[in-house]
Protein backbone atom coordinates (compact mmCIF):
# COMPACT_ATOMS: atom_id res chain seq x y z
CA MET A 1 136.31 134.17 -52.75
CA GLU A 2 137.19 135.47 -56.18
CA VAL A 3 134.78 137.23 -58.63
CA VAL A 4 134.94 138.07 -62.43
CA VAL A 5 132.61 140.91 -63.52
CA ASP A 6 132.03 141.96 -67.06
CA THR A 7 133.07 145.45 -68.16
CA ASN A 8 129.21 146.29 -68.10
CA VAL A 9 129.05 145.91 -64.37
CA ILE A 10 131.87 148.64 -63.92
CA VAL A 11 130.17 150.76 -66.49
CA ASP A 12 126.70 150.41 -65.01
CA ALA A 13 128.06 150.92 -61.61
CA LEU A 14 129.47 154.40 -62.59
CA GLN A 15 125.94 155.31 -63.91
CA GLY A 16 124.31 154.55 -60.75
CA ASP A 17 123.17 150.92 -61.04
CA ASP A 18 122.73 149.98 -57.25
CA ALA A 19 123.32 146.20 -57.82
CA CYS A 20 126.53 146.94 -59.76
CA LYS A 21 127.80 149.56 -57.16
CA LEU A 22 127.42 147.02 -54.51
CA VAL A 23 129.68 144.20 -56.18
CA LEU A 24 132.28 147.01 -56.33
CA THR A 25 131.81 148.24 -52.81
CA LYS A 26 131.88 144.35 -51.41
CA GLU A 27 135.26 144.04 -53.30
CA ASP A 28 136.58 147.42 -52.03
CA ASN A 29 135.62 146.29 -48.29
CA GLY A 30 137.69 142.92 -48.77
CA TYR A 31 134.53 140.58 -49.09
CA TYR A 32 136.04 139.17 -52.24
CA THR A 33 139.01 139.52 -54.84
CA PHE A 34 138.44 140.36 -58.35
CA ALA A 35 140.12 137.99 -60.92
CA VAL A 36 140.96 139.59 -64.47
CA SER A 37 142.51 138.34 -67.38
CA ASP A 38 144.93 140.64 -69.52
CA PHE A 39 142.22 140.71 -72.41
CA MET A 40 139.60 141.85 -69.79
CA ARG A 41 142.02 144.65 -68.78
CA GLU A 42 142.41 145.95 -72.23
CA GLU A 43 138.91 145.83 -72.71
CA LEU A 44 138.33 147.88 -69.85
CA ILE A 45 140.80 150.53 -71.02
CA HIS A 46 139.43 150.55 -74.46
CA VAL A 47 135.85 151.18 -72.86
CA PHE A 48 136.90 153.61 -70.57
CA ARG A 49 138.88 155.60 -73.29
CA ARG A 50 135.60 155.48 -75.41
CA ILE A 51 133.33 156.85 -72.42
CA PHE A 52 135.72 159.20 -70.56
CA SER A 53 134.45 162.16 -72.35
CA THR A 54 130.97 161.39 -71.54
CA LEU A 55 131.54 161.06 -67.58
CA LEU A 56 130.45 163.81 -65.26
CA PRO A 57 133.28 165.17 -63.08
CA GLU A 58 131.94 163.23 -60.10
CA GLN A 59 132.40 159.99 -61.80
CA VAL A 60 136.00 160.40 -62.73
CA LEU A 61 137.46 159.81 -59.36
CA PRO A 62 135.41 156.27 -58.83
CA LEU A 63 136.54 155.37 -62.40
CA CYS A 64 140.21 156.01 -61.73
CA THR A 65 139.95 154.13 -58.16
CA ILE A 66 138.20 151.13 -59.99
CA LEU A 67 140.88 151.07 -62.65
CA LEU A 68 143.78 151.17 -59.75
CA ARG A 69 141.85 148.14 -57.88
CA LEU A 70 141.46 146.16 -61.06
CA PHE A 71 144.98 146.58 -62.17
CA HIS A 72 146.82 146.38 -58.65
CA ARG A 73 144.69 144.32 -56.20
CA ALA A 74 142.99 141.84 -58.70
CA ARG A 75 144.45 138.43 -59.25
CA ARG A 76 145.62 137.95 -62.86
CA VAL A 77 144.21 134.99 -64.61
CA ASN A 78 145.10 134.11 -67.93
CA PRO A 79 143.00 131.21 -69.56
CA THR A 80 144.71 128.33 -71.04
CA ARG A 81 141.49 127.70 -73.11
CA THR A 82 138.93 130.04 -74.37
CA ALA A 83 135.22 129.07 -74.49
CA ARG A 84 133.61 129.43 -77.93
CA LEU A 85 129.98 129.73 -76.58
CA CYS A 86 128.96 133.30 -76.83
CA ALA A 87 127.88 135.52 -79.90
CA HIS A 88 130.75 137.87 -78.99
CA ALA A 89 134.38 136.93 -78.57
CA ALA A 90 134.76 139.25 -75.58
CA ASP A 91 132.25 137.36 -73.75
CA ASP A 92 134.00 134.00 -74.38
CA GLU A 93 137.00 135.80 -72.86
CA PHE A 94 135.07 136.74 -69.96
CA LEU A 95 133.58 133.09 -69.36
CA SER A 96 136.77 131.57 -69.86
CA CYS A 97 138.65 133.73 -67.24
CA ALA A 98 135.73 132.73 -64.67
CA VAL A 99 136.13 129.10 -65.51
CA GLU A 100 140.13 129.27 -65.27
CA ALA A 101 140.11 131.24 -61.94
CA PRO A 102 137.69 129.30 -60.92
CA THR A 103 135.40 131.78 -59.53
CA GLU A 104 132.35 131.40 -57.43
CA PHE A 105 130.37 134.47 -58.84
CA LEU A 106 130.04 135.72 -62.27
CA GLY A 107 128.98 139.57 -62.48
CA LEU A 108 126.65 140.22 -65.47
CA ALA A 109 125.31 143.53 -65.96
CA ALA A 110 123.94 142.96 -69.66
CA MET A 111 122.26 139.44 -70.05
CA ASN A 112 123.03 139.59 -73.86
CA LEU A 113 125.62 137.09 -74.02
CA GLY A 114 123.89 135.12 -76.39
CA LEU A 115 124.97 131.61 -75.02
CA THR A 116 124.42 128.58 -77.21
CA GLY A 117 125.47 126.38 -74.09
CA TRP A 118 127.67 126.13 -71.06
CA SER A 119 128.64 123.56 -68.51
CA ARG A 120 130.95 123.82 -65.68
């Protein structure tokens, strides 16, 4: 099974959210594979550069491990079409990757996508 997770899932996992940590643990144990687009990878780099100085020392190694998994084990998916449904373009990219993959699970930590409509 392939899974697309929003950047907030990873950030929240680092901050101790149990549900988000479970998503990462299941991927690490081989239960499923992440699917990510180039856009999503760039967004992760941008977000982690911004929050890196705020991380506690014990959060740095898990962050590096997560990045390695997303850059080396995840299946790269580059959408041929971009959804135009969300309030933020980054959220449209996230949904587009999920549709293109196609995935069976979407990981949303922040439910503020501002969807105006969606069908699959």
